[in-house]
Amino acid sequence: MSIHPEQRARIASGQGFIAALDQSGGSTPKALKLYGVDESAYSNEQEMFAQVHAMRSRIVTSPAFTGERVLGAILFERTMDDEFGGKNAVAYLWEDKGVVPFLKIDKGLEDEADGVQRMKPIPGLDALLARAKAKGVFGTKERSVIKRNDAKGIADVLDQQFELGRQVLAAGLVPIIEPEVDINAADKADIEVALKQGLLERLDTIDPSTPVMLKLTLPDVDGFFKELVEHPSVLKVVALSGGYSRDEANAKLARNPGVIASFSRALSEGLSAQQDDAAFNQALDASIASIHRASIA
């Protein structure tokens, strides 16, 4: 199944970043609290997701949020099936905003083993991928976490990521492979050396005509991802903010040429449900402008 050529060109050569709007399960209450919505504002999961959808909708429908600076947006499955501005969320992003839609497909993390957290099984994945493709989604995102430099653990994470990536490619979508490195890991720099080697070995098995994307923690050594950025089987390398403040994440990102942002918490930092539209749009515009600058530096 073919990849959308206009969207592929947009991600490959566009000047901007990817907004991660895919908070789910455990990360949602924290995201809402930072946005000024306390847990007392909802009494069940359905109400919680309604609150976070209202936050996402406010971000996406803001005049500050356009394809000029935002190349793509990663959606949670519920969001894919919901609406922005009275229109299907996926169609709204691409047709109204010029923003390439992605879908988070992982179902969260297993408990830690061998210094890593692998992805939980994803039941019904083929059906989900087919549904996403039919709606106009371009790619997927799937996250694991590496907490220490354990050769078996890192290999397990990468094997699982690339196996899933091939399944996504077969469905005509582009996978964002995300082996996040915990920014608080004592041996973070050593993990990054092992991770890059493992990624390069596996990327050599991917056909450059159907490239993948990588979403990685900002490295300790500036420019460390150069070989990944230049690899023929990589469409784009994006970075997660990973717990760094927006200023810190932007400063690190700007020192890594060819890598663009895919920030979640750092994007929404400073936004509040209590702001009126003028203040909200101004704060979002400043956030988008700073992340855009760092992404094209």
C-alpha atoms as a PDB file:
ATOM      1  CA  MET A   1       0.000   0.000   0.000  1.00  0.00           C
ATOM      2  CA  SER A   2       1.409   3.358  -1.008  1.00  0.00           C
ATOM      3  CA  ILE A   3       2.411   6.156   1.356  1.00  0.00           C
ATOM      4  CA  HIS A   4       0.734   9.551   0.807  1.00  0.00           C
ATOM      5  CA  PRO A   5       3.379  11.280  -1.417  1.00  0.00           C
ATOM      6  CA  GLU A   6       2.528  14.877  -0.482  1.00  0.00           C
ATOM      7  CA  GLN A   7       2.596  14.088   3.235  1.00  0.00           C
ATOM      8  CA  ARG A   8       5.851  12.158   2.871  1.00  0.00           C
ATOM      9  CA  ALA A   9       7.488  15.120   1.093  1.00  0.00           C
ATOM     10  CA  ARG A  10       6.179  17.453   3.787  1.00  0.00           C
ATOM     11  CA  ILE A  11       7.793  15.419   6.576  1.00  0.00           C
ATOM     12  CA  ALA A  12      11.026  14.846   4.638  1.00  0.00           C
ATOM     13  CA  SER A  13      11.706  18.456   3.692  1.00  0.00           C
ATOM     14  CA  GLY A  14       9.334  20.640   5.715  1.00  0.00           C
ATOM     15  CA  GLN A  15      10.670  23.275   8.089  1.00  0.00           C
ATOM     16  CA  GLY A  16       8.927  22.668  11.393  1.00  0.00           C
ATOM     17  CA  PHE A  17       8.198  20.146  14.126  1.00  0.00           C
ATOM     18  CA  ILE A  18       5.700  17.471  15.173  1.00  0.00           C
ATOM     19  CA  ALA A  19       3.241  18.178  17.976  1.00  0.00           C
ATOM     20  CA  ALA A  20       2.713  15.193  20.284  1.00  0.00           C
ATOM     21  CA  LEU A  21      -0.958  15.383  21.311  1.00  0.00           C
ATOM     22  CA  ASP A  22      -1.196  11.728  22.323  1.00  0.00           C
ATOM     23  CA  GLN A  23      -1.286  11.778  26.145  1.00  0.00           C
ATOM     24  CA  SER A  24      -3.094   8.669  27.335  1.00  0.00           C
ATOM     25  CA  GLY A  25      -3.964   6.684  30.465  1.00  0.00           C
ATOM     26  CA  GLY A  26      -1.393   7.481  33.132  1.00  0.00           C
ATOM     27  CA  SER A  27      -0.036  10.701  31.595  1.00  0.00           C
ATOM     28  CA  THR A  28      -3.443  12.378  31.136  1.00  0.00           C
ATOM     29  CA  PRO A  29      -4.121  13.517  34.759  1.00  0.00           C
ATOM     30  CA  LYS A  30      -0.620  15.038  34.929  1.00  0.00           C
ATOM     31  CA  ALA A  31      -1.101  16.842  31.594  1.00  0.00           C
ATOM     32  CA  LEU A  32      -4.478  18.179  32.728  1.00  0.00           C
ATOM     33  CA  LYS A  33      -3.091  19.351  36.077  1.00  0.00           C
ATOM     34  CA  LEU A  34      -0.347  21.304  34.297  1.00  0.00           C
ATOM     35  CA  TYR A  35      -3.108  22.825  32.143  1.00  0.00           C
ATOM     36  CA  GLY A  36      -4.973  23.947  35.268  1.00  0.00           C
ATOM     37  CA  VAL A  37      -7.633  21.211  35.307  1.00  0.00           C
ATOM     38  CA  ASP A  38      -7.612  19.470  38.697  1.00  0.00           C
ATOM     39  CA  GLU A  39      -8.766  15.883  39.248  1.00  0.00           C
ATOM     40  CA  SER A  40     -11.884  17.274  40.964  1.00  0.00           C
ATOM     41  CA  ALA A  41     -13.042  18.479  37.499  1.00  0.00           C
ATOM     42  CA  TYR A  42     -13.798  14.902  36.367  1.00  0.00           C
ATOM     43  CA  SER A  43     -15.142  11.799  38.096  1.00  0.00           C
ATOM     44  CA  ASN A  44     -14.407   9.006  35.594  1.00  0.00           C
ATOM     45  CA  GLU A  45     -12.237   8.123  32.616  1.00  0.00           C
ATOM     46  CA  GLN A  46     -14.807   9.339  30.088  1.00  0.00           C
ATOM     47  CA  GLU A  47     -14.976  12.786  31.688  1.00  0.00           C
ATOM     48  CA  MET A  48     -11.160  12.886  31.959  1.00  0.00           C
ATOM     49  CA  PHE A  49     -10.756  12.184  28.252  1.00  0.00           C
ATOM     50  CA  ALA A  50     -13.427  14.805  27.451  1.00  0.00           C
ATOM     51  CA  GLN A  51     -11.332  17.355  29.375  1.00  0.00           C
ATOM     52  CA  VAL A  52      -8.095  16.424  27.597  1.00  0.00           C
ATOM     53  CA  HIS A  53      -9.857  16.443  24.209  1.00  0.00           C
ATOM     54  CA  ALA A  54     -11.057  19.979  24.944  1.00  0.00           C
ATOM     55  CA  MET A  55      -7.425  20.952  25.636  1.00  0.00           C
ATOM     56  CA  ARG A  56      -6.169  19.323  22.427  1.00  0.00           C
ATOM     57  CA  SER A  57      -8.994  20.845  20.418  1.00  0.00           C
ATOM     58  CA  ARG A  58      -8.172  24.302  21.747  1.00  0.00           C
ATOM     59  CA  ILE A  59      -4.525  23.847  20.716  1.00  0.00           C
ATOM     60  CA  VAL A  60      -5.266  22.487  17.230  1.00  0.00           C
ATOM     61  CA  THR A  61      -8.014  24.997  16.348  1.00  0.00           C
ATOM     62  CA  SER A  62      -5.926  27.962  17.542  1.00  0.00           C
ATOM     63  CA  PRO A  63      -4.794  30.338  14.750  1.00  0.00           C
ATOM     64  CA  ALA A  64      -1.242  29.808  16.086  1.00  0.00           C
ATOM     65  CA  PHE A  65      -1.358  26.112  15.121  1.00  0.00           C
ATOM     66  CA  THR A  66      -0.799  25.801  11.350  1.00  0.00           C
ATOM     67  CA  GLY A  67       1.239  23.754   8.893  1.00  0.00           C
ATOM     68  CA  GLU A  68       3.644  26.654   8.400  1.00  0.00           C
ATOM     69  CA  ARG A  69       5.438  25.697  11.624  1.00  0.00           C
ATOM     70  CA  VAL A  70       3.788  22.426  12.707  1.00  0.00           C
ATOM     71  CA  LEU A  71       4.584  19.624  10.233  1.00  0.00           C
ATOM     72  CA  GLY A  72       2.656  16.860  11.969  1.00  0.00           C
ATOM     73  CA  ALA A  73       0.593  15.925  14.994  1.00  0.00           C
ATOM     74  CA  ILE A  74       0.470  12.613  16.887  1.00  0.00           C
ATOM     75  CA  LEU A  75      -3.021  11.657  17.998  1.00  0.00           C
ATOM     76  CA  PHE A  76      -4.384   9.296  20.647  1.00  0.00           C
ATOM     77  CA  GLU A  77      -6.754   6.637  19.225  1.00  0.00           C
ATOM     78  CA  ARG A  78      -9.822   8.270  20.799  1.00  0.00           C
ATOM     79  CA  THR A  79      -8.834  11.576  19.187  1.00  0.00           C
ATOM     80  CA  MET A  80      -8.573   9.940  15.758  1.00  0.00           C
ATOM     81  CA  ASP A  81     -12.225   8.915  16.143  1.00  0.00           C
ATOM     82  CA  ASP A  82     -13.265  12.343  17.451  1.00  0.00           C
ATOM     83  CA  GLU A  83     -13.594  15.795  15.869  1.00  0.00           C
ATOM     84  CA  PHE A  84     -11.810  19.136  15.751  1.00  0.00           C
ATOM     85  CA  GLY A  85     -13.843  22.158  14.694  1.00  0.00           C
ATOM     86  CA  GLY A  86     -16.858  20.000  13.854  1.00  0.00           C
ATOM     87  CA  LYS A  87     -14.875  17.825  11.426  1.00  0.00           C
ATOM     88  CA  ASN A  88     -13.156  14.426  11.696  1.00  0.00           C
ATOM     89  CA  ALA A  89      -9.909  15.098  13.586  1.00  0.00           C
ATOM     90  CA  VAL A  90      -7.632  13.497  10.965  1.00  0.00           C
ATOM     91  CA  ALA A  91      -9.275  15.307   8.037  1.00  0.00           C
ATOM     92  CA  TYR A  92      -9.263  18.616   9.951  1.00  0.00           C
ATOM     93  CA  LEU A  93      -5.524  18.419  10.597  1.00  0.00           C
ATOM     94  CA  TRP A  94      -4.569  17.763   6.976  1.00  0.00           C
ATOM     95  CA  GLU A  95      -7.283  19.587   5.014  1.00  0.00           C
ATOM     96  CA  ASP A  96      -7.767  22.636   7.238  1.00  0.00           C
ATOM     97  CA  LYS A  97      -4.338  23.041   8.818  1.00  0.00           C
ATOM     98  CA  GLY A  98      -1.863  21.334   6.453  1.00  0.00           C
ATOM     99  CA  VAL A  99      -0.602  19.202   9.375  1.00  0.00           C
ATOM    100  CA  VAL A 100       0.322  15.544   8.750  1.00  0.00           C
ATOM    101  CA  PRO A 101      -1.619  13.163  11.066  1.00  0.00           C
ATOM    102  CA  PHE A 102       0.059  10.358  13.052  1.00  0.00           C
ATOM    103  CA  LEU A 103      -1.468   7.855  15.487  1.00  0.00           C
ATOM    104  CA  LYS A 104      -0.052   6.536  18.773  1.00  0.00           C
ATOM    105  CA  ILE A 105      -0.605   2.757  18.582  1.00  0.00           C
ATOM    106  CA  ASP A 106       1.177   1.353  21.650  1.00  0.00           C
ATOM    107  CA  LYS A 107      -0.910   0.327  24.661  1.00  0.00           C
ATOM    108  CA  GLY A 108       1.644   1.368  27.263  1.00  0.00           C
ATOM    109  CA  LEU A 109       4.641  -0.331  28.834  1.00  0.00           C
ATOM    110  CA  GLU A 110       5.420  -3.669  30.440  1.00  0.00           C
ATOM    111  CA  ASP A 111       7.061  -3.695  33.875  1.00  0.00           C
ATOM    112  CA  GLU A 112      10.814  -3.117  33.823  1.00  0.00           C
ATOM    113  CA  ALA A 113      12.999  -6.115  32.947  1.00  0.00           C
ATOM    114  CA  ASP A 114      16.691  -6.113  31.910  1.00  0.00           C
ATOM    115  CA  GLY A 115      16.810  -2.336  32.431  1.00  0.00           C
ATOM    116  CA  VAL A 116      14.038  -1.586  29.901  1.00  0.00           C
ATOM    117  CA  GLN A 117      10.282  -1.394  29.531  1.00  0.00           C
ATOM    118  CA  ARG A 118       9.032  -3.110  26.409  1.00  0.00           C
ATOM    119  CA  MET A 119       5.656  -2.350  24.855  1.00  0.00           C
ATOM    120  CA  LYS A 120       2.605  -4.264  26.014  1.00  0.00           C
ATOM    121  CA  PRO A 121       0.906  -6.462  23.371  1.00  0.00           C
ATOM    122  CA  ILE A 122      -1.308  -4.533  20.933  1.00  0.00           C
ATOM    123  CA  PRO A 123      -4.457  -6.624  20.307  1.00  0.00           C
ATOM    124  CA  GLY A 124      -6.346  -5.912  17.088  1.00  0.00           C
ATOM    125  CA  LEU A 125      -3.415  -4.028  15.587  1.00  0.00           C
ATOM    126  CA  ASP A 126      -4.057  -4.958  11.931  1.00  0.00           C
ATOM    127  CA  ALA A 127      -7.628  -3.674  12.182  1.00  0.00           C
ATOM    128  CA  LEU A 128      -6.465  -0.463  13.886  1.00  0.00           C
ATOM    129  CA  LEU A 129      -3.833   0.168  11.196  1.00  0.00           C
ATOM    130  CA  ALA A 130      -6.389  -0.431   8.413  1.00  0.00           C
ATOM    131  CA  ARG A 131      -8.837   1.966  10.100  1.00  0.00           C
ATOM    132  CA  ALA A 132      -6.145   4.614  10.536  1.00  0.00           C
ATOM    133  CA  LYS A 133      -5.071   4.296   6.900  1.00  0.00           C
ATOM    134  CA  ALA A 134      -8.703   4.617   5.731  1.00  0.00           C
ATOM    135  CA  LYS A 135      -9.125   7.796   7.796  1.00  0.00           C
ATOM    136  CA  GLY A 136      -6.044   9.379   6.212  1.00  0.00           C
ATOM    137  CA  VAL A 137      -3.439   8.837   8.934  1.00  0.00           C
ATOM    138  CA  PHE A 138       0.136   8.973   7.566  1.00  0.00           C
ATOM    139  CA  GLY A 139       2.118   7.197  10.271  1.00  0.00           C
ATOM    140  CA  THR A 140       2.200   5.696  13.747  1.00  0.00           C
ATOM    141  CA  LYS A 141       4.139   6.180  16.970  1.00  0.00           C
ATOM    142  CA  GLU A 142       5.147   3.427  19.378  1.00  0.00           C
ATOM    143  CA  ARG A 143       7.157   3.965  22.595  1.00  0.00           C
ATOM    144  CA  SER A 144       9.479   1.837  24.724  1.00  0.00           C
ATOM    145  CA  VAL A 145      11.764   3.073  27.515  1.00  0.00           C
ATOM    146  CA  ILE A 146      15.420   2.255  28.232  1.00  0.00           C
ATOM    147  CA  LYS A 147      16.542   2.893  31.828  1.00  0.00           C
ATOM    148  CA  ARG A 148      20.011   1.346  31.927  1.00  0.00           C
ATOM    149  CA  ASN A 149      22.754   0.084  29.630  1.00  0.00           C
ATOM    150  CA  ASP A 150      21.823  -3.583  29.448  1.00  0.00           C
ATOM    151  CA  ALA A 151      22.744  -5.226  26.125  1.00  0.00           C
ATOM    152  CA  LYS A 152      19.903  -7.774  26.237  1.00  0.00           C
ATOM    153  CA  GLY A 153      17.306  -5.192  27.246  1.00  0.00           C
ATOM    154  CA  ILE A 154      18.300  -2.726  24.502  1.00  0.00           C
ATOM    155  CA  ALA A 155      18.332  -5.504  21.878  1.00  0.00           C
ATOM    156  CA  ASP A 156      14.891  -6.695  23.054  1.00  0.00           C
ATOM    157  CA  VAL A 157      13.443  -3.181  22.770  1.00  0.00           C
ATOM    158  CA  LEU A 158      14.880  -2.644  19.292  1.00  0.00           C
ATOM    159  CA  ASP A 159      13.825  -6.072  18.015  1.00  0.00           C
ATOM    160  CA  GLN A 160      10.271  -5.442  19.219  1.00  0.00           C
ATOM    161  CA  GLN A 161      10.253  -1.919  17.740  1.00  0.00           C
ATOM    162  CA  PHE A 162      11.474  -3.011  14.307  1.00  0.00           C
ATOM    163  CA  GLU A 163       9.146  -6.008  14.179  1.00  0.00           C
ATOM    164  CA  LEU A 164       6.235  -3.674  14.867  1.00  0.00           C
ATOM    165  CA  GLY A 165       7.659  -1.149  12.404  1.00  0.00           C
ATOM    166  CA  ARG A 166       7.564  -3.728   9.606  1.00  0.00           C
ATOM    167  CA  GLN A 167       3.922  -4.478  10.405  1.00  0.00           C
ATOM    168  CA  VAL A 168       3.132  -0.754  10.168  1.00  0.00           C
ATOM    169  CA  LEU A 169       5.015  -0.419   6.859  1.00  0.00           C
ATOM    170  CA  ALA A 170       3.090  -3.401   5.463  1.00  0.00           C
ATOM    171  CA  ALA A 171      -0.135  -1.535   6.262  1.00  0.00           C
ATOM    172  CA  GLY A 172       1.024   1.441   4.144  1.00  0.00           C
ATOM    173  CA  LEU A 173       1.908   3.678   7.093  1.00  0.00           C
ATOM    174  CA  VAL A 174       5.212   5.140   8.331  1.00  0.00           C
ATOM    175  CA  PRO A 175       6.275   4.034  11.838  1.00  0.00           C
ATOM    176  CA  ILE A 176       7.877   6.406  14.326  1.00  0.00           C
ATOM    177  CA  ILE A 177      10.156   4.042  16.252  1.00  0.00           C
ATOM    178  CA  GLU A 178      10.582   5.459  19.771  1.00  0.00           C
ATOM    179  CA  PRO A 179      13.101   3.792  22.105  1.00  0.00           C
ATOM    180  CA  GLU A 180      13.113   6.589  24.714  1.00  0.00           C
ATOM    181  CA  VAL A 181      16.151   6.821  26.988  1.00  0.00           C
ATOM    182  CA  ASP A 182      15.339   7.909  30.540  1.00  0.00           C
ATOM    183  CA  ILE A 183      17.012  11.331  30.986  1.00  0.00           C
ATOM    184  CA  ASN A 184      17.781  10.393  34.604  1.00  0.00           C
ATOM    185  CA  ALA A 185      19.653   7.176  33.709  1.00  0.00           C
ATOM    186  CA  ALA A 186      23.057   7.165  35.415  1.00  0.00           C
ATOM    187  CA  ASP A 187      24.696   5.728  32.260  1.00  0.00           C
ATOM    188  CA  LYS A 188      22.670   7.738  29.712  1.00  0.00           C
ATOM    189  CA  ALA A 189      25.675   8.463  27.448  1.00  0.00           C
ATOM    190  CA  ASP A 190      26.640   4.755  27.358  1.00  0.00           C
ATOM    191  CA  ILE A 191      23.041   3.783  26.570  1.00  0.00           C
ATOM    192  CA  GLU A 192      23.073   6.209  23.636  1.00  0.00           C
ATOM    193  CA  VAL A 193      26.223   4.625  22.166  1.00  0.00           C
ATOM    194  CA  ALA A 194      24.689   1.128  22.342  1.00  0.00           C
ATOM    195  CA  LEU A 195      21.311   2.369  21.094  1.00  0.00           C
ATOM    196  CA  LYS A 196      22.772   4.128  18.060  1.00  0.00           C
ATOM    197  CA  GLN A 197      24.777   1.036  17.094  1.00  0.00           C
ATOM    198  CA  GLY A 198      21.683  -1.155  17.440  1.00  0.00           C
ATOM    199  CA  LEU A 199      19.571   1.266  15.410  1.00  0.00           C
ATOM    200  CA  LEU A 200      22.115   1.485  12.577  1.00  0.00           C
ATOM    201  CA  GLU A 201      22.370  -2.326  12.350  1.00  0.00           C
ATOM    202  CA  ARG A 202      18.590  -2.695  12.078  1.00  0.00           C
ATOM    203  CA  LEU A 203      18.110   0.288   9.753  1.00  0.00           C
ATOM    204  CA  ASP A 204      20.379  -1.457   7.245  1.00  0.00           C
ATOM    205  CA  THR A 205      17.658  -4.130   6.926  1.00  0.00           C
ATOM    206  CA  ILE A 206      14.961  -1.558   5.990  1.00  0.00           C
ATOM    207  CA  ASP A 207      14.316  -0.787   2.303  1.00  0.00           C
ATOM    208  CA  PRO A 208      15.106   2.933   1.725  1.00  0.00           C
ATOM    209  CA  SER A 209      12.021   3.156  -0.519  1.00  0.00           C
ATOM    210  CA  THR A 210       9.884   2.572   2.620  1.00  0.00           C
ATOM    211  CA  PRO A 211      11.777   4.505   5.309  1.00  0.00           C
ATOM    212  CA  VAL A 212      10.947   4.728   9.003  1.00  0.00           C
ATOM    213  CA  MET A 213      11.115   7.652  11.421  1.00  0.00           C
ATOM    214  CA  LEU A 214      12.935   7.710  14.753  1.00  0.00           C
ATOM    215  CA  LYS A 215      11.867   9.499  17.941  1.00  0.00           C
ATOM    216  CA  LEU A 216      14.781   9.751  20.353  1.00  0.00           C
ATOM    217  CA  THR A 217      15.749  11.375  23.630  1.00  0.00           C
ATOM    218  CA  LEU A 218      17.990  14.418  23.118  1.00  0.00           C
ATOM    219  CA  PRO A 219      21.580  13.092  23.349  1.00  0.00           C
ATOM    220  CA  ASP A 220      24.347  14.045  25.785  1.00  0.00           C
ATOM    221  CA  VAL A 221      26.779  14.583  22.884  1.00  0.00           C
ATOM    222  CA  ASP A 222      25.708  17.286  20.424  1.00  0.00           C
ATOM    223  CA  GLY A 223      25.264  16.026  16.856  1.00  0.00           C
ATOM    224  CA  PHE A 224      25.370  12.412  18.039  1.00  0.00           C
ATOM    225  CA  PHE A 225      22.526  11.344  15.737  1.00  0.00           C
ATOM    226  CA  LYS A 226      24.218  12.525  12.521  1.00  0.00           C
ATOM    227  CA  GLU A 227      24.526   8.998  11.028  1.00  0.00           C
ATOM    228  CA  LEU A 228      20.865   8.332  11.858  1.00  0.00           C
ATOM    229  CA  VAL A 229      19.730  11.636  10.306  1.00  0.00           C
ATOM    230  CA  GLU A 230      21.668  10.796   7.127  1.00  0.00           C
ATOM    231  CA  HIS A 231      20.696   7.107   6.911  1.00  0.00           C
ATOM    232  CA  PRO A 232      18.824   6.362   3.644  1.00  0.00           C
ATOM    233  CA  SER A 233      16.189   4.327   5.497  1.00  0.00           C
ATOM    234  CA  VAL A 234      15.298   7.195   7.855  1.00  0.00           C
ATOM    235  CA  LEU A 235      12.669   9.709   6.737  1.00  0.00           C
ATOM    236  CA  LYS A 236      13.155  11.964   9.769  1.00  0.00           C
ATOM    237  CA  VAL A 237      14.681  11.948  13.241  1.00  0.00           C
ATOM    238  CA  VAL A 238      12.525  13.684  15.842  1.00  0.00           C
ATOM    239  CA  ALA A 239      13.281  14.354  19.502  1.00  0.00           C
ATOM    240  CA  LEU A 240      11.120  14.051  22.583  1.00  0.00           C
ATOM    241  CA  SER A 241      11.392  16.589  25.393  1.00  0.00           C
ATOM    242  CA  GLY A 242      11.585  13.720  27.903  1.00  0.00           C
ATOM    243  CA  GLY A 243      11.141  15.764  31.078  1.00  0.00           C
ATOM    244  CA  TYR A 244      13.403  18.677  30.137  1.00  0.00           C
ATOM    245  CA  SER A 245      11.818  22.136  30.391  1.00  0.00           C
ATOM    246  CA  ARG A 246      10.956  23.726  27.043  1.00  0.00           C
ATOM    247  CA  ASP A 247      13.914  26.134  27.221  1.00  0.00           C
ATOM    248  CA  GLU A 248      16.324  23.306  28.052  1.00  0.00           C
ATOM    249  CA  ALA A 249      14.856  20.992  25.370  1.00  0.00           C
ATOM    250  CA  ASN A 250      14.988  23.758  22.749  1.00  0.00           C
ATOM    251  CA  ALA A 251      18.612  24.588  23.598  1.00  0.00           C
ATOM    252  CA  LYS A 252      19.630  20.922  23.298  1.00  0.00           C
ATOM    253  CA  LEU A 253      17.622  20.466  20.091  1.00  0.00           C
ATOM    254  CA  ALA A 254      19.210  23.484  18.420  1.00  0.00           C
ATOM    255  CA  ARG A 255      22.635  21.834  18.903  1.00  0.00           C
ATOM    256  CA  ASN A 256      21.542  18.727  16.962  1.00  0.00           C
ATOM    257  CA  PRO A 257      21.303  19.616  13.249  1.00  0.00           C
ATOM    258  CA  GLY A 258      18.751  17.694  11.195  1.00  0.00           C
ATOM    259  CA  VAL A 259      16.712  16.651  14.257  1.00  0.00           C
ATOM    260  CA  ILE A 260      13.294  18.268  14.790  1.00  0.00           C
ATOM    261  CA  ALA A 261      11.092  18.406  17.883  1.00  0.00           C
ATOM    262  CA  SER A 262       8.212  16.116  18.713  1.00  0.00           C
ATOM    263  CA  PHE A 263       7.310  17.681  22.047  1.00  0.00           C
ATOM    264  CA  SER A 264       4.244  17.050  24.200  1.00  0.00           C
ATOM    265  CA  ARG A 265       4.569  18.549  27.672  1.00  0.00           C
ATOM    266  CA  ALA A 266       7.081  21.157  26.468  1.00  0.00           C
ATOM    267  CA  LEU A 267       4.617  22.291  23.783  1.00  0.00           C
ATOM    268  CA  SER A 268       1.761  22.854  26.242  1.00  0.00           C
ATOM    269  CA  GLU A 269       3.993  24.394  28.955  1.00  0.00           C
ATOM    270  CA  GLY A 270       2.498  27.735  29.985  1.00  0.00           C
ATOM    271  CA  LEU A 271      -0.977  27.006  28.578  1.00  0.00           C
ATOM    272  CA  SER A 272      -3.926  27.116  30.966  1.00  0.00           C
ATOM    273  CA  ALA A 273      -7.633  26.354  30.857  1.00  0.00           C
ATOM    274  CA  GLN A 274      -8.123  29.619  32.766  1.00  0.00           C
ATOM    275  CA  GLN A 275      -6.593  31.788  30.012  1.00  0.00           C
ATOM    276  CA  ASP A 276      -8.967  33.663  27.716  1.00  0.00           C
ATOM    277  CA  ASP A 277      -8.550  32.960  23.998  1.00  0.00           C
ATOM    278  CA  ALA A 278      -6.262  35.935  23.389  1.00  0.00           C
ATOM    279  CA  ALA A 279      -3.884  34.965  26.203  1.00  0.00           C
ATOM    280  CA  PHE A 280      -4.028  31.268  25.272  1.00  0.00           C
ATOM    281  CA  ASN A 281      -3.287  31.928  21.583  1.00  0.00           C
ATOM    282  CA  GLN A 282      -0.450  34.292  22.495  1.00  0.00           C
ATOM    283  CA  ALA A 283       1.137  31.726  24.827  1.00  0.00           C
ATOM    284  CA  LEU A 284       0.732  28.929  22.262  1.00  0.00           C
ATOM    285  CA  ASP A 285       2.178  31.116  19.516  1.00  0.00           C
ATOM    286  CA  ALA A 286       5.258  31.828  21.661  1.00  0.00           C
ATOM    287  CA  SER A 287       5.655  28.113  22.433  1.00  0.00           C
ATOM    288  CA  ILE A 288       5.309  27.079  18.774  1.00  0.00           C
ATOM    289  CA  ALA A 289       7.687  29.851  17.641  1.00  0.00           C
ATOM    290  CA  SER A 290      10.422  28.780  20.076  1.00  0.00           C
ATOM    291  CA  ILE A 291      10.143  25.066  19.220  1.00  0.00           C
ATOM    292  CA  HIS A 292      10.041  25.866  15.494  1.00  0.00           C
ATOM    293  CA  ARG A 293      13.212  27.995  15.810  1.00  0.00           C
ATOM    294  CA  ALA A 294      15.053  25.200  17.621  1.00  0.00           C
ATOM    295  CA  SER A 295      13.877  22.621  15.056  1.00  0.00           C
ATOM    296  CA  ILE A 296      15.213  24.530  12.060  1.00  0.00           C
ATOM    297  CA  ALA A 297      18.383  25.819  13.761  1.00  0.00           C
END
